[in-house]
């Protein structure tokens, strides 16, 4: 399924004309200007799964965030927008196929990290409240309480609850259960599974972070199945050979100048893995 057909970025000449026109000297950076134009990334034509590959600093995350901001996609973590992002977006063009589905979004490493941190913080708050309730139970059960008016009615109910309950029952009734915590990899995978629904455009920025190789393979299958059977379109920045190997994915190599489209088996980091394992192949036999 295609929701996003193509996207264009300003070329070097357009960027030069803009920067010449503003005549500002007080900035050390004009980000995102001069990032994608270095390797002449001027247009992306999308498939159901499109991947942006490149080394750190190649601009793949920049491209993903620019696309997300131009399309107004939802995100959970706050995105630090530069002073020049609005000007840059005006020079970009997005061609969509009809209206984008409402559940379309970008998912970044910050989103996943905040999700795991929120679960941990919530559980810490529940643990603190549990300790408070242990103390409150004893104080309430053995309190010398006398109801003087209807204003004391709620406290009367708590006293009666404490006196007819065990400590554990009192605490369970007054407190929600802890949210189950998983390993970082399990939590990260659950986050993707929760956020990626049917029929949507999803931009994933290095989704392999926090995932073991086994989980990366599982995520790659989940992405492939979602694109094939559930009407999803993906644009992904990644180094992961497991994600890069998704069948029929279109891969842009942002390390090339100009940017080139390549099969995953010709990418430099995949070749590095291949050569390493070939050097040690006798140890696997």
C-alpha atoms as a PDB file:
ATOM      1  CA  UNK A   1       0.000   0.000   0.000  1.00  0.00           C
ATOM      2  CA  UNK A   2       1.267   3.481  -0.874  1.00  0.00           C
ATOM      3  CA  UNK A   3       0.205   6.572   1.019  1.00  0.00           C
ATOM      4  CA  UNK A   4       3.359   8.593   0.296  1.00  0.00           C
ATOM      5  CA  UNK A   5       4.411   8.579  -3.349  1.00  0.00           C
ATOM      6  CA  UNK A   6       7.492  10.794  -3.411  1.00  0.00           C
ATOM      7  CA  UNK A   7       9.248  13.515  -1.457  1.00  0.00           C
ATOM      8  CA  UNK A   8      11.659  16.178  -2.679  1.00  0.00           C
ATOM      9  CA  UNK A   9      14.313  18.099  -0.765  1.00  0.00           C
ATOM     10  CA  UNK A  10      15.976  21.376  -1.842  1.00  0.00           C
ATOM     11  CA  UNK A  11      19.138  20.965  -3.887  1.00  0.00           C
ATOM     12  CA  UNK A  12      22.377  22.799  -3.246  1.00  0.00           C
ATOM     13  CA  UNK A  13      21.443  25.741  -5.463  1.00  0.00           C
ATOM     14  CA  UNK A  14      18.097  26.277  -3.720  1.00  0.00           C
ATOM     15  CA  UNK A  15      19.798  26.158  -0.349  1.00  0.00           C
ATOM     16  CA  UNK A  16      22.475  28.622  -1.484  1.00  0.00           C
ATOM     17  CA  UNK A  17      19.870  31.071  -2.762  1.00  0.00           C
ATOM     18  CA  UNK A  18      17.964  30.914   0.524  1.00  0.00           C
ATOM     19  CA  UNK A  19      21.024  31.316   2.742  1.00  0.00           C
ATOM     20  CA  UNK A  20      22.318  34.150   0.587  1.00  0.00           C
ATOM     21  CA  UNK A  21      18.971  35.898   0.875  1.00  0.00           C
ATOM     22  CA  UNK A  22      18.745  35.869   4.681  1.00  0.00           C
ATOM     23  CA  UNK A  23      22.267  37.273   5.215  1.00  0.00           C
ATOM     24  CA  UNK A  24      22.441  36.097   8.810  1.00  0.00           C
ATOM     25  CA  UNK A  25      25.838  35.702  10.418  1.00  0.00           C
ATOM     26  CA  UNK A  26      24.888  34.889  14.026  1.00  0.00           C
ATOM     27  CA  UNK A  27      24.273  31.151  13.602  1.00  0.00           C
ATOM     28  CA  UNK A  28      26.860  28.370  13.845  1.00  0.00           C
ATOM     29  CA  UNK A  29      24.527  25.973  12.024  1.00  0.00           C
ATOM     30  CA  UNK A  30      21.713  26.241   9.535  1.00  0.00           C
ATOM     31  CA  UNK A  31      20.403  22.736  10.225  1.00  0.00           C
ATOM     32  CA  UNK A  32      18.780  20.999   8.352  1.00  0.00           C
ATOM     33  CA  UNK A  33      20.262  23.004   5.483  1.00  0.00           C
ATOM     34  CA  UNK A  34      23.484  21.555   4.015  1.00  0.00           C
ATOM     35  CA  UNK A  35      22.879  18.072   5.446  1.00  0.00           C
ATOM     36  CA  UNK A  36      21.057  16.165   2.703  1.00  0.00           C
ATOM     37  CA  UNK A  37      22.422  18.228  -0.159  1.00  0.00           C
ATOM     38  CA  UNK A  38      25.988  17.113   0.659  1.00  0.00           C
ATOM     39  CA  UNK A  39      25.335  13.786  -1.041  1.00  0.00           C
ATOM     40  CA  UNK A  40      22.699  15.210  -3.364  1.00  0.00           C
ATOM     41  CA  UNK A  41      19.657  13.560  -1.834  1.00  0.00           C
ATOM     42  CA  UNK A  42      16.987  15.478  -3.719  1.00  0.00           C
ATOM     43  CA  UNK A  43      14.135  13.016  -4.161  1.00  0.00           C
ATOM     44  CA  UNK A  44      12.843   9.781  -2.663  1.00  0.00           C
ATOM     45  CA  UNK A  45      10.352   7.625  -4.552  1.00  0.00           C
ATOM     46  CA  UNK A  46       8.658   5.304  -2.127  1.00  0.00           C
ATOM     47  CA  UNK A  47       7.650   1.657  -2.083  1.00  0.00           C
ATOM     48  CA  UNK A  48       5.621  -0.151   0.613  1.00  0.00           C
ATOM     49  CA  UNK A  49       8.947  -0.514   2.461  1.00  0.00           C
ATOM     50  CA  UNK A  50      11.600   2.135   1.817  1.00  0.00           C
ATOM     51  CA  UNK A  51      14.850   2.179   3.760  1.00  0.00           C
ATOM     52  CA  UNK A  52      17.368   4.972   4.280  1.00  0.00           C
ATOM     53  CA  UNK A  53      20.774   3.491   4.977  1.00  0.00           C
ATOM     54  CA  UNK A  54      23.979   5.316   5.866  1.00  0.00           C
ATOM     55  CA  UNK A  55      26.674   5.840   8.452  1.00  0.00           C
ATOM     56  CA  UNK A  56      26.215   8.105  11.456  1.00  0.00           C
ATOM     57  CA  UNK A  57      25.921  11.683  10.253  1.00  0.00           C
ATOM     58  CA  UNK A  58      24.789  10.687   6.765  1.00  0.00           C
ATOM     59  CA  UNK A  59      21.448  12.448   7.244  1.00  0.00           C
ATOM     60  CA  UNK A  60      19.060   9.499   7.293  1.00  0.00           C
ATOM     61  CA  UNK A  61      17.441  10.547  10.583  1.00  0.00           C
ATOM     62  CA  UNK A  62      17.317  14.142   9.376  1.00  0.00           C
ATOM     63  CA  UNK A  63      15.485  13.060   6.225  1.00  0.00           C
ATOM     64  CA  UNK A  64      13.021  11.017   8.264  1.00  0.00           C
ATOM     65  CA  UNK A  65      12.254  13.889  10.637  1.00  0.00           C
ATOM     66  CA  UNK A  66      11.891  16.379   7.786  1.00  0.00           C
ATOM     67  CA  UNK A  67       9.366  14.096   6.083  1.00  0.00           C
ATOM     68  CA  UNK A  68       7.470  13.623   9.352  1.00  0.00           C
ATOM     69  CA  UNK A  69       7.317  17.365  10.040  1.00  0.00           C
ATOM     70  CA  UNK A  70       6.260  18.203   6.485  1.00  0.00           C
ATOM     71  CA  UNK A  71       3.434  15.667   6.709  1.00  0.00           C
ATOM     72  CA  UNK A  72       2.494  16.648  10.263  1.00  0.00           C
ATOM     73  CA  UNK A  73       2.828  13.088  11.553  1.00  0.00           C
ATOM     74  CA  UNK A  74       2.161  12.261  15.192  1.00  0.00           C
ATOM     75  CA  UNK A  75       5.064  11.540  17.499  1.00  0.00           C
ATOM     76  CA  UNK A  76       5.325  10.917  21.244  1.00  0.00           C
ATOM     77  CA  UNK A  77       8.696  12.390  22.249  1.00  0.00           C
ATOM     78  CA  UNK A  78       9.318  16.103  21.787  1.00  0.00           C
ATOM     79  CA  UNK A  79      11.236  16.952  18.607  1.00  0.00           C
ATOM     80  CA  UNK A  80      13.833  19.705  18.965  1.00  0.00           C
ATOM     81  CA  UNK A  81      13.108  21.899  15.973  1.00  0.00           C
ATOM     82  CA  UNK A  82      15.866  24.149  14.694  1.00  0.00           C
ATOM     83  CA  UNK A  83      15.327  27.816  13.851  1.00  0.00           C
ATOM     84  CA  UNK A  84      15.589  27.054  10.159  1.00  0.00           C
ATOM     85  CA  UNK A  85      13.343  23.997   9.974  1.00  0.00           C
ATOM     86  CA  UNK A  86      10.205  25.950   8.922  1.00  0.00           C
ATOM     87  CA  UNK A  87      12.158  27.638   6.095  1.00  0.00           C
ATOM     88  CA  UNK A  88      13.572  24.311   4.999  1.00  0.00           C
ATOM     89  CA  UNK A  89      10.155  22.644   4.978  1.00  0.00           C
ATOM     90  CA  UNK A  90       8.831  25.330   2.640  1.00  0.00           C
ATOM     91  CA  UNK A  91      11.377  24.159   0.058  1.00  0.00           C
ATOM     92  CA  UNK A  92      10.281  20.508   0.377  1.00  0.00           C
ATOM     93  CA  UNK A  93       7.429  18.844  -1.452  1.00  0.00           C
ATOM     94  CA  UNK A  94       5.443  15.755  -0.505  1.00  0.00           C
ATOM     95  CA  UNK A  95       3.188  13.921  -2.943  1.00  0.00           C
ATOM     96  CA  UNK A  96       0.649  11.729  -1.185  1.00  0.00           C
ATOM     97  CA  UNK A  97      -1.932   9.289  -2.524  1.00  0.00           C
ATOM     98  CA  UNK A  98      -5.085  10.738  -1.026  1.00  0.00           C
ATOM     99  CA  UNK A  99      -5.365  11.589   2.665  1.00  0.00           C
ATOM    100  CA  UNK A 100      -2.911  10.027   5.084  1.00  0.00           C
ATOM    101  CA  UNK A 101      -4.504   7.640   7.607  1.00  0.00           C
ATOM    102  CA  UNK A 102      -4.986   9.190  11.043  1.00  0.00           C
ATOM    103  CA  UNK A 103      -2.864   6.572  12.797  1.00  0.00           C
ATOM    104  CA  UNK A 104       0.223   7.451  10.715  1.00  0.00           C
ATOM    105  CA  UNK A 105       3.205   8.448  12.844  1.00  0.00           C
ATOM    106  CA  UNK A 106       6.958   8.603  13.264  1.00  0.00           C
ATOM    107  CA  UNK A 107       8.572   6.400  15.908  1.00  0.00           C
ATOM    108  CA  UNK A 108      12.028   7.411  17.146  1.00  0.00           C
ATOM    109  CA  UNK A 109      14.463   6.002  19.683  1.00  0.00           C
ATOM    110  CA  UNK A 110      13.387   8.757  22.079  1.00  0.00           C
ATOM    111  CA  UNK A 111       9.777   7.539  21.846  1.00  0.00           C
ATOM    112  CA  UNK A 112      10.785   4.001  22.796  1.00  0.00           C
ATOM    113  CA  UNK A 113      13.103   5.172  25.594  1.00  0.00           C
ATOM    114  CA  UNK A 114      10.417   7.435  27.087  1.00  0.00           C
ATOM    115  CA  UNK A 115       7.934   4.534  26.958  1.00  0.00           C
ATOM    116  CA  UNK A 116      10.266   2.294  28.952  1.00  0.00           C
ATOM    117  CA  UNK A 117      11.091   5.107  31.380  1.00  0.00           C
ATOM    118  CA  UNK A 118       7.402   5.906  31.923  1.00  0.00           C
ATOM    119  CA  UNK A 119       6.658   2.280  32.869  1.00  0.00           C
ATOM    120  CA  UNK A 120       9.528   2.306  35.345  1.00  0.00           C
ATOM    121  CA  UNK A 121       8.482   5.654  36.822  1.00  0.00           C
ATOM    122  CA  UNK A 122       4.863   4.528  37.158  1.00  0.00           C
ATOM    123  CA  UNK A 123       5.902   1.381  38.984  1.00  0.00           C
ATOM    124  CA  UNK A 124       8.178   3.353  41.320  1.00  0.00           C
ATOM    125  CA  UNK A 125       5.221   5.589  42.197  1.00  0.00           C
ATOM    126  CA  UNK A 126       3.024   2.556  42.844  1.00  0.00           C
ATOM    127  CA  UNK A 127       5.710   1.045  45.074  1.00  0.00           C
ATOM    128  CA  UNK A 128       5.941   4.240  47.136  1.00  0.00           C
ATOM    129  CA  UNK A 129       2.156   4.395  47.501  1.00  0.00           C
ATOM    130  CA  UNK A 130       2.080   0.730  48.591  1.00  0.00           C
ATOM    131  CA  UNK A 131       4.435   1.477  51.466  1.00  0.00           C
ATOM    132  CA  UNK A 132       2.245   4.423  52.470  1.00  0.00           C
ATOM    133  CA  UNK A 133      -0.846   2.173  52.451  1.00  0.00           C
ATOM    134  CA  UNK A 134       0.815  -0.388  54.723  1.00  0.00           C
ATOM    135  CA  UNK A 135       1.252   2.341  57.317  1.00  0.00           C
ATOM    136  CA  UNK A 136      -2.207   3.793  56.662  1.00  0.00           C
ATOM    137  CA  UNK A 137      -3.817   0.377  57.181  1.00  0.00           C
ATOM    138  CA  UNK A 138      -2.391  -0.009  60.666  1.00  0.00           C
ATOM    139  CA  UNK A 139      -3.198   3.562  61.657  1.00  0.00           C
ATOM    140  CA  UNK A 140      -6.763   3.292  60.330  1.00  0.00           C
ATOM    141  CA  UNK A 141      -7.528  -0.160  61.742  1.00  0.00           C
ATOM    142  CA  UNK A 142      -6.497   0.730  65.259  1.00  0.00           C
ATOM    143  CA  UNK A 143      -7.596   4.367  65.246  1.00  0.00           C
ATOM    144  CA  UNK A 144      -9.858   5.623  68.018  1.00  0.00           C
ATOM    145  CA  UNK A 145     -12.451   6.848  65.520  1.00  0.00           C
ATOM    146  CA  UNK A 146     -15.826   8.387  66.325  1.00  0.00           C
ATOM    147  CA  UNK A 147     -18.206   9.693  63.703  1.00  0.00           C
ATOM    148  CA  UNK A 148     -19.450  13.157  64.603  1.00  0.00           C
ATOM    149  CA  UNK A 149     -21.118  14.265  61.357  1.00  0.00           C
ATOM    150  CA  UNK A 150     -21.696  13.230  57.744  1.00  0.00           C
ATOM    151  CA  UNK A 151     -18.354  14.853  56.927  1.00  0.00           C
ATOM    152  CA  UNK A 152     -16.767  11.840  58.646  1.00  0.00           C
ATOM    153  CA  UNK A 153     -18.655   9.280  56.531  1.00  0.00           C
ATOM    154  CA  UNK A 154     -15.840   8.542  54.058  1.00  0.00           C
ATOM    155  CA  UNK A 155     -13.376   8.033  56.874  1.00  0.00           C
ATOM    156  CA  UNK A 156     -15.866   5.684  58.558  1.00  0.00           C
ATOM    157  CA  UNK A 157     -15.952   3.538  55.426  1.00  0.00           C
ATOM    158  CA  UNK A 158     -12.143   3.333  55.391  1.00  0.00           C
ATOM    159  CA  UNK A 159     -12.018   2.394  59.061  1.00  0.00           C
ATOM    160  CA  UNK A 160     -14.588  -0.356  58.504  1.00  0.00           C
ATOM    161  CA  UNK A 161     -12.695  -1.587  55.420  1.00  0.00           C
ATOM    162  CA  UNK A 162      -9.451  -1.763  57.376  1.00  0.00           C
ATOM    163  CA  UNK A 163     -11.045  -3.547  60.330  1.00  0.00           C
ATOM    164  CA  UNK A 164     -12.684  -6.273  58.241  1.00  0.00           C
ATOM    165  CA  UNK A 165      -9.748  -6.766  55.815  1.00  0.00           C
ATOM    166  CA  UNK A 166      -6.299  -8.191  55.978  1.00  0.00           C
ATOM    167  CA  UNK A 167      -3.451  -5.824  55.241  1.00  0.00           C
ATOM    168  CA  UNK A 168      -2.847  -7.305  51.791  1.00  0.00           C
ATOM    169  CA  UNK A 169      -6.516  -7.140  50.861  1.00  0.00           C
ATOM    170  CA  UNK A 170      -6.751  -3.510  52.020  1.00  0.00           C
ATOM    171  CA  UNK A 171      -3.718  -2.546  49.943  1.00  0.00           C
ATOM    172  CA  UNK A 172      -4.918  -4.434  46.845  1.00  0.00           C
ATOM    173  CA  UNK A 173      -8.290  -2.712  47.004  1.00  0.00           C
ATOM    174  CA  UNK A 174      -6.754   0.747  47.322  1.00  0.00           C
ATOM    175  CA  UNK A 175      -3.926   0.362  44.822  1.00  0.00           C
ATOM    176  CA  UNK A 176      -3.640  -0.502  41.154  1.00  0.00           C
ATOM    177  CA  UNK A 177      -1.371  -3.383  40.211  1.00  0.00           C
ATOM    178  CA  UNK A 178       2.157  -2.691  39.023  1.00  0.00           C
ATOM    179  CA  UNK A 179       2.534  -2.467  35.303  1.00  0.00           C
ATOM    180  CA  UNK A 180       4.518  -5.489  34.244  1.00  0.00           C
ATOM    181  CA  UNK A 181       8.082  -4.597  33.349  1.00  0.00           C
ATOM    182  CA  UNK A 182       9.860  -6.361  30.517  1.00  0.00           C
ATOM    183  CA  UNK A 183      13.455  -6.304  29.350  1.00  0.00           C
ATOM    184  CA  UNK A 184      14.412  -3.286  27.263  1.00  0.00           C
ATOM    185  CA  UNK A 185      14.188  -5.374  24.118  1.00  0.00           C
ATOM    186  CA  UNK A 186      10.774  -6.788  25.014  1.00  0.00           C
ATOM    187  CA  UNK A 187       9.451  -3.345  25.944  1.00  0.00           C
ATOM    188  CA  UNK A 188      10.769  -1.819  22.723  1.00  0.00           C
ATOM    189  CA  UNK A 189       9.157  -4.533  20.615  1.00  0.00           C
ATOM    190  CA  UNK A 190       5.846  -4.162  22.482  1.00  0.00           C
ATOM    191  CA  UNK A 191       5.928  -0.435  21.802  1.00  0.00           C
ATOM    192  CA  UNK A 192       6.231  -1.005  18.050  1.00  0.00           C
ATOM    193  CA  UNK A 193       3.485  -3.617  18.147  1.00  0.00           C
ATOM    194  CA  UNK A 194       1.166  -1.220  20.007  1.00  0.00           C
ATOM    195  CA  UNK A 195       1.807   1.819  17.814  1.00  0.00           C
ATOM    196  CA  UNK A 196       1.825   0.159  14.387  1.00  0.00           C
ATOM    197  CA  UNK A 197      -1.744  -0.638  13.448  1.00  0.00           C
ATOM    198  CA  UNK A 198      -3.419  -1.505  10.169  1.00  0.00           C
ATOM    199  CA  UNK A 199      -3.542   0.866   7.203  1.00  0.00           C
ATOM    200  CA  UNK A 200      -1.056   3.561   8.124  1.00  0.00           C
ATOM    201  CA  UNK A 201       2.171   5.299   7.131  1.00  0.00           C
ATOM    202  CA  UNK A 202       4.912   4.649   9.686  1.00  0.00           C
ATOM    203  CA  UNK A 203       8.354   6.251   9.809  1.00  0.00           C
ATOM    204  CA  UNK A 204      10.806   4.307  11.985  1.00  0.00           C
ATOM    205  CA  UNK A 205      14.103   5.875  13.031  1.00  0.00           C
ATOM    206  CA  UNK A 206      16.670   3.148  13.782  1.00  0.00           C
ATOM    207  CA  UNK A 207      14.117   0.756  15.300  1.00  0.00           C
ATOM    208  CA  UNK A 208      16.839  -1.800  16.010  1.00  0.00           C
ATOM    209  CA  UNK A 209      18.048   0.201  19.036  1.00  0.00           C
ATOM    210  CA  UNK A 210      17.514  -1.811  22.253  1.00  0.00           C
ATOM    211  CA  UNK A 211      16.643  -4.936  20.239  1.00  0.00           C
ATOM    212  CA  UNK A 212      18.667  -8.139  20.270  1.00  0.00           C
ATOM    213  CA  UNK A 213      19.396  -9.806  16.912  1.00  0.00           C
ATOM    214  CA  UNK A 214      16.521 -12.228  17.530  1.00  0.00           C
ATOM    215  CA  UNK A 215      14.151  -9.342  18.250  1.00  0.00           C
ATOM    216  CA  UNK A 216      15.411  -7.478  15.174  1.00  0.00           C
ATOM    217  CA  UNK A 217      14.518 -10.480  13.033  1.00  0.00           C
ATOM    218  CA  UNK A 218      11.106 -10.604  14.685  1.00  0.00           C
ATOM    219  CA  UNK A 219      10.584  -6.889  14.034  1.00  0.00           C
ATOM    220  CA  UNK A 220      11.659  -7.256  10.405  1.00  0.00           C
ATOM    221  CA  UNK A 221       9.058  -9.993   9.913  1.00  0.00           C
ATOM    222  CA  UNK A 222       6.430  -7.865  11.659  1.00  0.00           C
ATOM    223  CA  UNK A 223       7.189  -4.959   9.305  1.00  0.00           C
ATOM    224  CA  UNK A 224       7.138  -7.177   6.224  1.00  0.00           C
ATOM    225  CA  UNK A 225       3.834  -8.793   7.223  1.00  0.00           C
ATOM    226  CA  UNK A 226       2.285  -5.411   8.091  1.00  0.00           C
ATOM    227  CA  UNK A 227       3.222  -4.054   4.667  1.00  0.00           C
ATOM    228  CA  UNK A 228       2.096  -7.155   2.801  1.00  0.00           C
ATOM    229  CA  UNK A 229      -1.118  -8.073   4.591  1.00  0.00           C
ATOM    230  CA  UNK A 230      -2.292  -5.080   6.645  1.00  0.00           C
ATOM    231  CA  UNK A 231      -2.068  -2.078   4.344  1.00  0.00           C
ATOM    232  CA  UNK A 232       0.931  -0.399   5.982  1.00  0.00           C
ATOM    233  CA  UNK A 233       3.697   1.646   4.377  1.00  0.00           C
ATOM    234  CA  UNK A 234       7.081   2.074   6.053  1.00  0.00           C
ATOM    235  CA  UNK A 235       9.972   4.488   5.690  1.00  0.00           C
ATOM    236  CA  UNK A 236      12.856   3.301   7.864  1.00  0.00           C
ATOM    237  CA  UNK A 237      16.333   4.535   8.733  1.00  0.00           C
ATOM    238  CA  UNK A 238      18.479   1.627   9.864  1.00  0.00           C
ATOM    239  CA  UNK A 239      21.873  -0.103  10.039  1.00  0.00           C
ATOM    240  CA  UNK A 240      20.363  -3.478  10.920  1.00  0.00           C
ATOM    241  CA  UNK A 241      21.106  -6.194   8.338  1.00  0.00           C
ATOM    242  CA  UNK A 242      17.921  -7.983   9.440  1.00  0.00           C
ATOM    243  CA  UNK A 243      15.766  -4.961   8.616  1.00  0.00           C
ATOM    244  CA  UNK A 244      17.747  -4.208   5.457  1.00  0.00           C
ATOM    245  CA  UNK A 245      17.062  -7.756   4.247  1.00  0.00           C
ATOM    246  CA  UNK A 246      13.255  -7.297   4.177  1.00  0.00           C
ATOM    247  CA  UNK A 247      12.037  -8.662   0.852  1.00  0.00           C
ATOM    248  CA  UNK A 248      11.305  -6.056  -1.830  1.00  0.00           C
ATOM    249  CA  UNK A 249      12.505  -3.161   0.319  1.00  0.00           C
ATOM    250  CA  UNK A 250      13.839  -0.205  -1.667  1.00  0.00           C
ATOM    251  CA  UNK A 251      17.115   0.954  -0.112  1.00  0.00           C
ATOM    252  CA  UNK A 252      18.710   4.390  -0.531  1.00  0.00           C
ATOM    253  CA  UNK A 253      22.427   4.432   0.328  1.00  0.00           C
ATOM    254  CA  UNK A 254      23.091   7.878   1.785  1.00  0.00           C
ATOM    255  CA  UNK A 255      26.828   7.207   1.985  1.00  0.00           C
ATOM    256  CA  UNK A 256      27.078   7.383  -1.808  1.00  0.00           C
ATOM    257  CA  UNK A 257      27.589  10.661  -3.662  1.00  0.00           C
ATOM    258  CA  UNK A 258      25.142  11.071  -5.207  1.00  0.00           C
ATOM    259  CA  UNK A 259      22.778   8.945  -3.144  1.00  0.00           C
ATOM    260  CA  UNK A 260      22.187   5.614  -4.872  1.00  0.00           C
ATOM    261  CA  UNK A 261      19.674   2.770  -4.719  1.00  0.00           C
ATOM    262  CA  UNK A 262      21.297  -0.582  -3.853  1.00  0.00           C
ATOM    263  CA  UNK A 263      20.424  -4.157  -2.923  1.00  0.00           C
ATOM    264  CA  UNK A 264      21.093  -4.858   0.738  1.00  0.00           C
ATOM    265  CA  UNK A 265      23.883  -7.325  -0.030  1.00  0.00           C
ATOM    266  CA  UNK A 266      26.012  -4.524  -1.523  1.00  0.00           C
ATOM    267  CA  UNK A 267      25.860  -2.180   1.476  1.00  0.00           C
ATOM    268  CA  UNK A 268      29.156  -1.602   3.270  1.00  0.00           C
ATOM    269  CA  UNK A 269      28.168  -2.672   6.779  1.00  0.00           C
ATOM    270  CA  UNK A 270      26.416  -5.805   5.481  1.00  0.00           C
ATOM    271  CA  UNK A 271      29.568  -6.681   3.531  1.00  0.00           C
ATOM    272  CA  UNK A 272      31.599  -6.119   6.719  1.00  0.00           C
ATOM    273  CA  UNK A 273      29.424  -8.650   8.570  1.00  0.00           C
ATOM    274  CA  UNK A 274      29.693 -11.084   5.671  1.00  0.00           C
ATOM    275  CA  UNK A 275      33.476 -10.827   5.465  1.00  0.00           C
ATOM    276  CA  UNK A 276      33.840 -11.232   9.233  1.00  0.00           C
ATOM    277  CA  UNK A 277      31.768 -14.400   9.331  1.00  0.00           C
ATOM    278  CA  UNK A 278      33.489 -15.785   6.250  1.00  0.00           C
ATOM    279  CA  UNK A 279      36.858 -15.286   7.951  1.00  0.00           C
ATOM    280  CA  UNK A 280      35.598 -17.349  10.904  1.00  0.00           C
ATOM    281  CA  UNK A 281      33.374 -19.781   9.038  1.00  0.00           C
ATOM    282  CA  UNK A 282      35.376 -22.838  10.135  1.00  0.00           C
ATOM    283  CA  UNK A 283      34.371 -22.098  13.744  1.00  0.00           C
ATOM    284  CA  UNK A 284      30.717 -22.483  12.818  1.00  0.00           C
ATOM    285  CA  UNK A 285      31.168 -25.873  11.181  1.00  0.00           C
END
